[in-house]
Amino acid sequence: MSLSDTLLRSINGKPYSGKSELSSRDGLSVRISHAGTITW
């Protein structure tokens, strides 16, 4: 899955139950809490 602005905006601040860490093919990754908080 590629990280995109649209994807992150759709997750931010909403309850989230997917993978706790998402990464791009270039090595950039984010962690997402169950509450929808995104950290780089």
PDB file of N, CA and C in Angstrom:
ATOM      1  N   MET A   1       0.844  -1.172   0.000  1.00  0.00           N
ATOM      2  CA  MET A   1       0.000   0.000   0.000  1.00  0.00           C
ATOM      3  C   MET A   1       0.888   1.233   0.000  1.00  0.00           C
ATOM      4  N   SER A   2       0.562   2.161  -0.848  1.00  0.00           N
ATOM      5  CA  SER A   2       1.372   3.372  -0.874  1.00  0.00           C
ATOM      6  C   SER A   2       0.752   4.427   0.032  1.00  0.00           C
ATOM      7  N   LEU A   3       1.606   5.192   0.665  1.00  0.00           N
ATOM      8  CA  LEU A   3       1.135   6.275   1.527  1.00  0.00           C
ATOM      9  C   LEU A   3       0.768   7.459   0.650  1.00  0.00           C
ATOM     10  N   SER A   4      -0.394   7.993   0.869  1.00  0.00           N
ATOM     11  CA  SER A   4      -0.813   9.174   0.116  1.00  0.00           C
ATOM     12  C   SER A   4      -1.504  10.140   1.056  1.00  0.00           C
ATOM     13  N   ASP A   5      -1.568  11.370   0.637  1.00  0.00           N
ATOM     14  CA  ASP A   5      -2.246  12.402   1.412  1.00  0.00           C
ATOM     15  C   ASP A   5      -3.707  12.023   1.633  1.00  0.00           C
ATOM     16  N   THR A   6      -4.354  11.527   0.607  1.00  0.00           N
ATOM     17  CA  THR A   6      -5.764  11.147   0.699  1.00  0.00           C
ATOM     18  C   THR A   6      -5.976  10.031   1.711  1.00  0.00           C
ATOM     19  N   LEU A   7      -5.117   9.029   1.688  1.00  0.00           N
ATOM     20  CA  LEU A   7      -5.220   7.913   2.632  1.00  0.00           C
ATOM     21  C   LEU A   7      -5.046   8.388   4.064  1.00  0.00           C
ATOM     22  N   LEU A   8      -4.011   9.170   4.321  1.00  0.00           N
ATOM     23  CA  LEU A   8      -3.741   9.626   5.683  1.00  0.00           C
ATOM     24  C   LEU A   8      -4.828  10.561   6.199  1.00  0.00           C
ATOM     25  N   ARG A   9      -5.363  11.415   5.347  1.00  0.00           N
ATOM     26  CA  ARG A   9      -6.450  12.305   5.767  1.00  0.00           C
ATOM     27  C   ARG A   9      -7.714  11.515   6.094  1.00  0.00           C
ATOM     28  N   SER A  10      -7.938  10.404   5.390  1.00  0.00           N
ATOM     29  CA  SER A  10      -9.138   9.603   5.660  1.00  0.00           C
ATOM     30  C   SER A  10      -9.031   8.847   6.980  1.00  0.00           C
ATOM     31  N   ILE A  11      -7.813   8.581   7.449  1.00  0.00           N
ATOM     32  CA  ILE A  11      -7.584   7.859   8.704  1.00  0.00           C
ATOM     33  C   ILE A  11      -7.493   8.804   9.890  1.00  0.00           C
ATOM     34  N   ASN A  12      -6.903   9.956   9.707  1.00  0.00           N
ATOM     35  CA  ASN A  12      -6.574  10.879  10.792  1.00  0.00           C
ATOM     36  C   ASN A  12      -7.784  11.241  11.662  1.00  0.00           C
ATOM     37  N   GLY A  13      -7.670  10.956  12.969  1.00  0.00           N
ATOM     38  CA  GLY A  13      -8.682  11.360  13.927  1.00  0.00           C
ATOM     39  C   GLY A  13      -9.901  10.470  14.014  1.00  0.00           C
ATOM     40  N   LYS A  14      -9.946   9.388  13.243  1.00  0.00           N
ATOM     41  CA  LYS A  14     -11.083   8.480  13.275  1.00  0.00           C
ATOM     42  C   LYS A  14     -10.637   7.138  13.846  1.00  0.00           C
ATOM     43  N   PRO A  15     -11.533   6.397  14.487  1.00  0.00           N
ATOM     44  CA  PRO A  15     -11.155   5.075  14.992  1.00  0.00           C
ATOM     45  C   PRO A  15     -10.578   4.220  13.862  1.00  0.00           C
ATOM     46  N   TYR A  16      -9.504   3.508  14.150  1.00  0.00           N
ATOM     47  CA  TYR A  16      -8.779   2.760  13.133  1.00  0.00           C
ATOM     48  C   TYR A  16      -8.503   1.349  13.636  1.00  0.00           C
ATOM     49  N   SER A  17      -8.748   0.354  12.800  1.00  0.00           N
ATOM     50  CA  SER A  17      -8.525  -1.034  13.209  1.00  0.00           C
ATOM     51  C   SER A  17      -7.660  -1.814  12.226  1.00  0.00           C
ATOM     52  N   GLY A  18      -6.978  -1.118  11.329  1.00  0.00           N
ATOM     53  CA  GLY A  18      -6.110  -1.777  10.360  1.00  0.00           C
ATOM     54  C   GLY A  18      -4.721  -2.039  10.917  1.00  0.00           C
ATOM     55  N   LYS A  19      -3.749  -2.213  10.023  1.00  0.00           N
ATOM     56  CA  LYS A  19      -2.362  -2.417  10.438  1.00  0.00           C
ATOM     57  C   LYS A  19      -1.877  -1.223  11.242  1.00  0.00           C
ATOM     58  N   SER A  20      -1.061  -1.489  12.264  1.00  0.00           N
ATOM     59  CA  SER A  20      -0.594  -0.389  13.103  1.00  0.00           C
ATOM     60  C   SER A  20       0.555   0.385  12.471  1.00  0.00           C
ATOM     61  N   GLU A  21       1.202  -0.188  11.459  1.00  0.00           N
ATOM     62  CA  GLU A  21       2.291   0.509  10.777  1.00  0.00           C
ATOM     63  C   GLU A  21       2.134   0.328   9.277  1.00  0.00           C
ATOM     64  N   LEU A  22       2.182   1.437   8.553  1.00  0.00           N
ATOM     65  CA  LEU A  22       2.118   1.419   7.098  1.00  0.00           C
ATOM     66  C   LEU A  22       3.404   2.015   6.559  1.00  0.00           C
ATOM     67  N   SER A  23       3.906   1.461   5.460  1.00  0.00           N
ATOM     68  CA  SER A  23       5.133   2.006   4.893  1.00  0.00           C
ATOM     69  C   SER A  23       5.025   2.094   3.378  1.00  0.00           C
ATOM     70  N   SER A  24       5.797   3.005   2.827  1.00  0.00           N
ATOM     71  CA  SER A  24       5.865   3.142   1.376  1.00  0.00           C
ATOM     72  C   SER A  24       7.029   2.308   0.882  1.00  0.00           C
ATOM     73  N   ARG A  25       7.136   2.159  -0.395  1.00  0.00           N
ATOM     74  CA  ARG A  25       8.238   1.359  -0.952  1.00  0.00           C
ATOM     75  C   ARG A  25       9.583   2.064  -0.823  1.00  0.00           C
ATOM     76  N   ASP A  26       9.571   3.365  -0.519  1.00  0.00           N
ATOM     77  CA  ASP A  26      10.813   4.131  -0.393  1.00  0.00           C
ATOM     78  C   ASP A  26      11.351   4.167   1.035  1.00  0.00           C
ATOM     79  N   GLY A  27      10.679   3.468   1.970  1.00  0.00           N
ATOM     80  CA  GLY A  27      11.164   3.401   3.332  1.00  0.00           C
ATOM     81  C   GLY A  27      10.493   4.349   4.307  1.00  0.00           C
ATOM     82  N   LEU A  28       9.631   5.231   3.844  1.00  0.00           N
ATOM     83  CA  LEU A  28       8.899   6.127   4.726  1.00  0.00           C
ATOM     84  C   LEU A  28       7.782   5.333   5.388  1.00  0.00           C
ATOM     85  N   SER A  29       7.618   5.488   6.714  1.00  0.00           N
ATOM     86  CA  SER A  29       6.553   4.745   7.378  1.00  0.00           C
ATOM     87  C   SER A  29       5.845   5.609   8.408  1.00  0.00           C
ATOM     88  N   VAL A  30       4.614   5.232   8.711  1.00  0.00           N
ATOM     89  CA  VAL A  30       3.815   5.895   9.727  1.00  0.00           C
ATOM     90  C   VAL A  30       3.252   4.836  10.661  1.00  0.00           C
ATOM     91  N   ARG A  31       3.033   5.250  11.906  1.00  0.00           N
ATOM     92  CA  ARG A  31       2.347   4.391  12.874  1.00  0.00           C
ATOM     93  C   ARG A  31       0.994   5.026  13.160  1.00  0.00           C
ATOM     94  N   ILE A  32      -0.015   4.187  13.270  1.00  0.00           N
ATOM     95  CA  ILE A  32      -1.375   4.667  13.474  1.00  0.00           C
ATOM     96  C   ILE A  32      -1.956   3.999  14.708  1.00  0.00           C
ATOM     97  N   SER A  33      -2.434   4.816  15.653  1.00  0.00           N
ATOM     98  CA  SER A  33      -3.034   4.283  16.874  1.00  0.00           C
ATOM     99  C   SER A  33      -4.478   3.891  16.600  1.00  0.00           C
ATOM    100  N   HIS A  34      -5.092   3.202  17.558  1.00  0.00           N
ATOM    101  CA  HIS A  34      -6.499   2.808  17.427  1.00  0.00           C
ATOM    102  C   HIS A  34      -7.417   4.017  17.396  1.00  0.00           C
ATOM    103  N   ALA A  35      -6.956   5.130  17.958  1.00  0.00           N
ATOM    104  CA  ALA A  35      -7.742   6.365  17.958  1.00  0.00           C
ATOM    105  C   ALA A  35      -7.573   7.158  16.662  1.00  0.00           C
ATOM    106  N   GLY A  36      -6.685   6.719  15.759  1.00  0.00           N
ATOM    107  CA  GLY A  36      -6.476   7.408  14.505  1.00  0.00           C
ATOM    108  C   GLY A  36      -5.377   8.454  14.532  1.00  0.00           C
ATOM    109  N   THR A  37      -4.528   8.423  15.555  1.00  0.00           N
ATOM    110  CA  THR A  37      -3.410   9.366  15.628  1.00  0.00           C
ATOM    111  C   THR A  37      -2.266   8.837  14.779  1.00  0.00           C
ATOM    112  N   ILE A  38      -1.752   9.670  13.900  1.00  0.00           N
ATOM    113  CA  ILE A  38      -0.686   9.270  12.984  1.00  0.00           C
ATOM    114  C   ILE A  38       0.628   9.886  13.426  1.00  0.00           C
ATOM    115  N   THR A  39       1.659   9.069  13.529  1.00  0.00           N
ATOM    116  CA  THR A  39       3.007   9.556  13.849  1.00  0.00           C
ATOM    117  C   THR A  39       3.961   9.034  12.791  1.00  0.00           C
ATOM    118  N   TRP A  40       4.952   9.840  12.440  1.00  0.00           N
ATOM    119  CA  TRP A  40       5.937   9.469  11.425  1.00  0.00           C
ATOM    120  C   TRP A  40       7.111   8.797  12.039  1.00  0.00           C
TER     121      TRP A  40
END
